[in-house]
């Protein structure tokens, strides 16, 4: 197991290098002078130049890139001269709201999509199957920010059941924490629901046509047992794959939805950092998001081996 995990972690190094180079170059190609932004319009050229030297902007781009990578190897994502604080603690202070929205959105997606996908596979070609596919098509065509606005109209303006925006930490008010999370989580869950429904339905249809299902039916097993114990277990690898791959998209959706619901997460941080031309913060956020993707994929690979012993034998 440890050997396998080590190989997976080593394979992530090239990904981080590529992401780091791309993030660095994109942030430096955005135009403008961050030193001038920090110093203000009334600053003299000498003051701006002093800030440029402090930030290392007087070096060539390759020299800046090398220095940034050397700091990254020591776990240092840099220092935000705009905010006057380290990049890492700033990102960590904004992570919890984003992960809260993404994780709750994932749970909602699984709770809604898996039963609907199993139902559609069991009623393949019938009215229930067509209704589920229509629902999946509707959620696919509904962007997360538009879903957020529609949910806000229904549950905030019309029904007045939930707060329109903001975020409350669970340590302050656990009830307020969940009430502020429901609408953003539902918004990011829309696309995920459609993806999981389609994958569950497709995988279950293949499983239900297998010989072991016909054998289970001949033995007199109930339909529920055929579906959930036998067919779903063999379809879980495909479902887990799509859940792991699309979790990054769900985080991206959470970042967009944060703007709609005024959630103080990574989305607001990266948006403000781009406007302030805070290169160090933008680079750090991109590296952090890449690390999240890598960790999610690693967890998914390990779960493969837990679910299917054949994968464990080949991998370990």
Foldseek 3Di string as FASTA:
>chain_A
DVVLLVVLVVVCVVVLVVLLVVLLVVLVPPDDQLLCLQQDPPDDPVSSVVSCVVQVVVDDSVVVSVVCVVCVVVVFLAAFPNVGGGLVVVQVVFAVLLVLLLVLLLVVLCVPQQVLLLVLLVQPPDPSVVVSLVLLVVLQPQALQNQLVVCCCPCCVPVNPADQAEADDVVVPVVNRVRRNPSSSPSLNSNVNSQLSVLSNVQLNVLCPDPVLVVCVVVPDDPVCSRPVRSCLVSVLSSLVSSLVCSLVSSVSSLVNCVRRVYRHPNVVLVVCSVSSRSSNSSSSSSVSSVVSSVSVSVSLVVVCVSDVVSVVVSD
